Amino acid sequence: MNTLGKQIEYRWLETDSKYYQTALKLRYALFFEEPGLPWEVLFDTDEGNSLHLAAICDGELLAYGRLTKRSNSAMQISQMVVSPKHQRKGLGEAILSRLVIHAKEHETKSIILSARLHAMPLYEKLGFNIVGEVYLSEKTGIEHIKMELTLKRAE
């Protein structure tokens, strides 16, 4: 639930938009700056062929998530971030829910993701299950765990 008390727009971003550039900066700051990784780490093999969803309010990017097709029946969610001053206000859940809905609409049977351990409760709340052991991210060295959501077809 949005606790900002303002209208939030959820928008699919093109990679030439100012909001996409802001999302890149936020992702870098929250995931890659502290371990001292180069800016180029953002541009992995999935970046150009993924969908990019943002939560925007009053011209400000508040949250972001990336959705990548892995096969005809599987997608992956990655790079989910919420601006530090807007965390704990329901934005992560809103982005995640919209990514899941999009995947369902495109006949995806499962969604995978790699969660930081502190984010597991958010993913579990929306039905994701742990499907592996804790591991260290090759890029950042931070503990993650693989999670999966099996989608049921509408009857």
C-alpha atoms as a PDB file:
ATOM      1  CA  MET A   1       0.000   0.000   0.000  1.00  0.00           C
ATOM      2  CA  ASN A   2       1.293   3.449  -0.943  1.00  0.00           C
ATOM      3  CA  THR A   3       1.752   5.572   2.161  1.00  0.00           C
ATOM      4  CA  LEU A   4       2.931   8.708   0.368  1.00  0.00           C
ATOM      5  CA  GLY A   5      -0.582  10.074   0.076  1.00  0.00           C
ATOM      6  CA  LYS A   6       0.127  11.164  -3.506  1.00  0.00           C
ATOM      7  CA  GLN A   7      -0.659   9.815  -6.937  1.00  0.00           C
ATOM      8  CA  ILE A   8       2.123   7.547  -8.184  1.00  0.00           C
ATOM      9  CA  GLU A   9       2.542   6.734 -11.847  1.00  0.00           C
ATOM     10  CA  TYR A  10       3.991   3.358 -12.824  1.00  0.00           C
ATOM     11  CA  ARG A  11       5.719   3.652 -16.172  1.00  0.00           C
ATOM     12  CA  TRP A  12       7.643   1.327 -18.482  1.00  0.00           C
ATOM     13  CA  LEU A  13      10.836   3.181 -19.324  1.00  0.00           C
ATOM     14  CA  GLU A  14      12.661   3.515 -22.602  1.00  0.00           C
ATOM     15  CA  THR A  15      16.433   3.479 -22.238  1.00  0.00           C
ATOM     16  CA  ASP A  16      16.693   7.010 -23.639  1.00  0.00           C
ATOM     17  CA  SER A  17      14.407   8.538 -20.981  1.00  0.00           C
ATOM     18  CA  LYS A  18      15.598  10.767 -18.154  1.00  0.00           C
ATOM     19  CA  TYR A  19      13.922   8.415 -15.660  1.00  0.00           C
ATOM     20  CA  TYR A  20      15.922   5.463 -16.954  1.00  0.00           C
ATOM     21  CA  GLN A  21      19.109   7.482 -16.412  1.00  0.00           C
ATOM     22  CA  THR A  22      17.949   8.275 -12.873  1.00  0.00           C
ATOM     23  CA  ALA A  23      17.208   4.577 -12.282  1.00  0.00           C
ATOM     24  CA  LEU A  24      20.742   3.695 -13.394  1.00  0.00           C
ATOM     25  CA  LYS A  25      22.187   6.194 -10.901  1.00  0.00           C
ATOM     26  CA  LEU A  26      20.011   4.824  -8.088  1.00  0.00           C
ATOM     27  CA  ARG A  27      20.924   1.219  -8.905  1.00  0.00           C
ATOM     28  CA  TYR A  28      24.604   2.079  -8.987  1.00  0.00           C
ATOM     29  CA  ALA A  29      24.445   3.990  -5.683  1.00  0.00           C
ATOM     30  CA  LEU A  30      22.560   1.234  -3.840  1.00  0.00           C
ATOM     31  CA  PHE A  31      24.189  -1.872  -5.318  1.00  0.00           C
ATOM     32  CA  PHE A  32      27.601  -1.203  -6.797  1.00  0.00           C
ATOM     33  CA  GLU A  33      29.171   2.005  -5.471  1.00  0.00           C
ATOM     34  CA  GLU A  34      30.110   0.709  -2.004  1.00  0.00           C
ATOM     35  CA  PRO A  35      32.023  -2.329  -3.304  1.00  0.00           C
ATOM     36  CA  GLY A  36      33.827   0.040  -5.683  1.00  0.00           C
ATOM     37  CA  LEU A  37      32.601  -1.513  -8.922  1.00  0.00           C
ATOM     38  CA  PRO A  38      32.812   0.452 -12.179  1.00  0.00           C
ATOM     39  CA  TRP A  39      29.740   2.165 -13.657  1.00  0.00           C
ATOM     40  CA  GLU A  40      29.819  -0.297 -16.555  1.00  0.00           C
ATOM     41  CA  VAL A  41      28.711  -3.120 -14.228  1.00  0.00           C
ATOM     42  CA  LEU A  42      25.154  -1.819 -14.769  1.00  0.00           C
ATOM     43  CA  PHE A  43      25.249  -2.816 -18.419  1.00  0.00           C
ATOM     44  CA  ASP A  44      25.180  -6.585 -18.158  1.00  0.00           C
ATOM     45  CA  THR A  45      23.897  -8.826 -20.929  1.00  0.00           C
ATOM     46  CA  ASP A  46      20.291  -8.370 -19.734  1.00  0.00           C
ATOM     47  CA  GLU A  47      20.138  -4.585 -19.663  1.00  0.00           C
ATOM     48  CA  GLY A  48      19.273  -3.988 -23.304  1.00  0.00           C
ATOM     49  CA  ASN A  49      16.689  -6.756 -23.650  1.00  0.00           C
ATOM     50  CA  SER A  50      14.795  -6.214 -20.401  1.00  0.00           C
ATOM     51  CA  LEU A  51      11.707  -4.247 -19.463  1.00  0.00           C
ATOM     52  CA  HIS A  52      12.278  -1.396 -17.028  1.00  0.00           C
ATOM     53  CA  LEU A  53       9.462  -0.330 -14.680  1.00  0.00           C
ATOM     54  CA  ALA A  54       9.540   2.804 -12.528  1.00  0.00           C
ATOM     55  CA  ALA A  55       7.374   4.420  -9.876  1.00  0.00           C
ATOM     56  CA  ILE A  56       7.299   8.179 -10.431  1.00  0.00           C
ATOM     57  CA  CYS A  57       5.702  10.920  -8.345  1.00  0.00           C
ATOM     58  CA  ASP A  58       5.895  14.671  -8.924  1.00  0.00           C
ATOM     59  CA  GLY A  59       8.648  14.166 -11.499  1.00  0.00           C
ATOM     60  CA  GLU A  60      10.797  12.065  -9.148  1.00  0.00           C
ATOM     61  CA  LEU A  61      11.766   8.425  -9.673  1.00  0.00           C
ATOM     62  CA  LEU A  62      10.929   6.630  -6.424  1.00  0.00           C
ATOM     63  CA  ALA A  63      11.444   2.950  -7.279  1.00  0.00           C
ATOM     64  CA  TYR A  64      12.490   0.675 -10.124  1.00  0.00           C
ATOM     65  CA  GLY A  65      12.514  -2.983 -11.180  1.00  0.00           C
ATOM     66  CA  ARG A  66      13.774  -4.909 -14.212  1.00  0.00           C
ATOM     67  CA  LEU A  67      12.041  -7.867 -15.896  1.00  0.00           C
ATOM     68  CA  THR A  68      13.906 -10.173 -18.282  1.00  0.00           C
ATOM     69  CA  LYS A  69      12.517 -13.018 -20.364  1.00  0.00           C
ATOM     70  CA  ARG A  70      14.554 -16.197 -19.773  1.00  0.00           C
ATOM     71  CA  SER A  71      12.524 -18.609 -21.914  1.00  0.00           C
ATOM     72  CA  ASN A  72       9.007 -18.952 -23.321  1.00  0.00           C
ATOM     73  CA  SER A  73       7.815 -19.858 -19.834  1.00  0.00           C
ATOM     74  CA  ALA A  74      10.196 -18.088 -17.429  1.00  0.00           C
ATOM     75  CA  MET A  75      11.144 -14.520 -16.533  1.00  0.00           C
ATOM     76  CA  GLN A  76      13.567 -13.003 -14.040  1.00  0.00           C
ATOM     77  CA  ILE A  77      13.152  -9.950 -11.838  1.00  0.00           C
ATOM     78  CA  SER A  78      16.330  -8.076 -10.959  1.00  0.00           C
ATOM     79  CA  GLN A  79      17.785  -4.742  -9.931  1.00  0.00           C
ATOM     80  CA  MET A  80      14.807  -3.771  -7.768  1.00  0.00           C
ATOM     81  CA  VAL A  81      15.531  -0.540  -5.903  1.00  0.00           C
ATOM     82  CA  VAL A  82      13.632   2.018  -3.876  1.00  0.00           C
ATOM     83  CA  SER A  83      15.066   5.463  -3.220  1.00  0.00           C
ATOM     84  CA  PRO A  84      16.311   5.486   0.397  1.00  0.00           C
ATOM     85  CA  LYS A  85      14.017   8.360   1.419  1.00  0.00           C
ATOM     86  CA  HIS A  86      10.994   6.442   0.097  1.00  0.00           C
ATOM     87  CA  GLN A  87      11.689   2.990   1.513  1.00  0.00           C
ATOM     88  CA  ARG A  88       9.152   1.232   3.759  1.00  0.00           C
ATOM     89  CA  LYS A  89       6.249   2.945   2.007  1.00  0.00           C
ATOM     90  CA  GLY A  90       4.992   0.063  -0.127  1.00  0.00           C
ATOM     91  CA  LEU A  91       6.807   1.007  -3.324  1.00  0.00           C
ATOM     92  CA  GLY A  92       8.901  -2.153  -3.566  1.00  0.00           C
ATOM     93  CA  GLU A  93       5.787  -4.264  -3.205  1.00  0.00           C
ATOM     94  CA  ALA A  94       3.968  -2.149  -5.808  1.00  0.00           C
ATOM     95  CA  ILE A  95       6.776  -2.509  -8.370  1.00  0.00           C
ATOM     96  CA  LEU A  96       7.095  -6.240  -7.649  1.00  0.00           C
ATOM     97  CA  SER A  97       3.327  -6.774  -7.979  1.00  0.00           C
ATOM     98  CA  ARG A  98       3.239  -5.009 -11.327  1.00  0.00           C
ATOM     99  CA  LEU A  99       6.177  -7.017 -12.648  1.00  0.00           C
ATOM    100  CA  VAL A 100       4.429 -10.243 -11.587  1.00  0.00           C
ATOM    101  CA  ILE A 101       1.175  -9.145 -13.255  1.00  0.00           C
ATOM    102  CA  HIS A 102       3.043  -8.366 -16.480  1.00  0.00           C
ATOM    103  CA  ALA A 103       4.689 -11.790 -16.409  1.00  0.00           C
ATOM    104  CA  LYS A 104       1.290 -13.481 -15.867  1.00  0.00           C
ATOM    105  CA  GLU A 105      -0.214 -11.546 -18.775  1.00  0.00           C
ATOM    106  CA  HIS A 106       2.571 -12.904 -20.982  1.00  0.00           C
ATOM    107  CA  GLU A 107       1.881 -16.529 -20.039  1.00  0.00           C
ATOM    108  CA  THR A 108       4.977 -16.900 -17.916  1.00  0.00           C
ATOM    109  CA  LYS A 109       4.918 -20.026 -15.745  1.00  0.00           C
ATOM    110  CA  SER A 110       7.635 -19.014 -13.304  1.00  0.00           C
ATOM    111  CA  ILE A 111       9.567 -15.972 -12.166  1.00  0.00           C
ATOM    112  CA  ILE A 112      12.994 -16.249 -10.590  1.00  0.00           C
ATOM    113  CA  LEU A 113      15.045 -13.700  -8.704  1.00  0.00           C
ATOM    114  CA  SER A 114      18.091 -13.417  -6.496  1.00  0.00           C
ATOM    115  CA  ALA A 115      17.139 -11.697  -3.257  1.00  0.00           C
ATOM    116  CA  ARG A 116      19.328  -9.976  -0.738  1.00  0.00           C
ATOM    117  CA  LEU A 117      18.550 -11.667   2.556  1.00  0.00           C
ATOM    118  CA  HIS A 118      16.930  -8.610   4.140  1.00  0.00           C
ATOM    119  CA  ALA A 119      14.472  -8.425   1.196  1.00  0.00           C
ATOM    120  CA  MET A 120      13.247 -12.029   1.501  1.00  0.00           C
ATOM    121  CA  PRO A 121      10.092 -11.122   3.486  1.00  0.00           C
ATOM    122  CA  LEU A 122       8.874  -8.849   0.666  1.00  0.00           C
ATOM    123  CA  TYR A 123       9.246 -11.608  -1.911  1.00  0.00           C
ATOM    124  CA  GLU A 124       7.734 -14.242   0.381  1.00  0.00           C
ATOM    125  CA  LYS A 125       4.735 -11.957   0.975  1.00  0.00           C
ATOM    126  CA  LEU A 126       3.993 -12.134  -2.754  1.00  0.00           C
ATOM    127  CA  GLY A 127       4.392 -15.910  -2.937  1.00  0.00           C
ATOM    128  CA  PHE A 128       8.046 -16.411  -3.839  1.00  0.00           C
ATOM    129  CA  ASN A 129       9.713 -19.483  -2.343  1.00  0.00           C
ATOM    130  CA  ILE A 130      13.359 -20.156  -1.573  1.00  0.00           C
ATOM    131  CA  VAL A 131      14.864 -22.570  -4.096  1.00  0.00           C
ATOM    132  CA  GLY A 132      18.497 -22.689  -3.094  1.00  0.00           C
ATOM    133  CA  GLU A 133      21.135 -21.967  -0.530  1.00  0.00           C
ATOM    134  CA  VAL A 134      22.554 -18.585   0.453  1.00  0.00           C
ATOM    135  CA  TYR A 135      25.393 -17.581  -1.847  1.00  0.00           C
ATOM    136  CA  LEU A 136      27.655 -14.591  -2.365  1.00  0.00           C
ATOM    137  CA  SER A 137      26.973 -12.436  -5.423  1.00  0.00           C
ATOM    138  CA  GLU A 138      29.858 -12.718  -7.875  1.00  0.00           C
ATOM    139  CA  LYS A 139      29.681  -8.963  -8.509  1.00  0.00           C
ATOM    140  CA  THR A 140      29.269  -7.528  -5.011  1.00  0.00           C
ATOM    141  CA  GLY A 141      30.136 -10.290  -2.552  1.00  0.00           C
ATOM    142  CA  ILE A 142      26.806  -9.687  -0.769  1.00  0.00           C
ATOM    143  CA  GLU A 143      24.700 -12.642   0.394  1.00  0.00           C
ATOM    144  CA  HIS A 144      21.740 -13.528  -1.822  1.00  0.00           C
ATOM    145  CA  ILE A 145      19.327 -16.402  -2.152  1.00  0.00           C
ATOM    146  CA  LYS A 146      17.483 -17.657  -5.233  1.00  0.00           C
ATOM    147  CA  MET A 147      13.703 -17.456  -5.034  1.00  0.00           C
ATOM    148  CA  GLU A 148      10.958 -18.515  -7.428  1.00  0.00           C
ATOM    149  CA  LEU A 149       7.277 -17.845  -7.950  1.00  0.00           C
ATOM    150  CA  THR A 150       5.267 -20.457  -9.821  1.00  0.00           C
ATOM    151  CA  LEU A 151       2.369 -18.806 -11.603  1.00  0.00           C
ATOM    152  CA  LYS A 152      -0.980 -20.455 -11.933  1.00  0.00           C
ATOM    153  CA  ARG A 153      -2.930 -20.012 -15.122  1.00  0.00           C
ATOM    154  CA  ALA A 154      -6.242 -18.198 -14.925  1.00  0.00           C
ATOM    155  CA  GLU A 155      -9.163 -20.613 -15.107  1.00  0.00           C
END
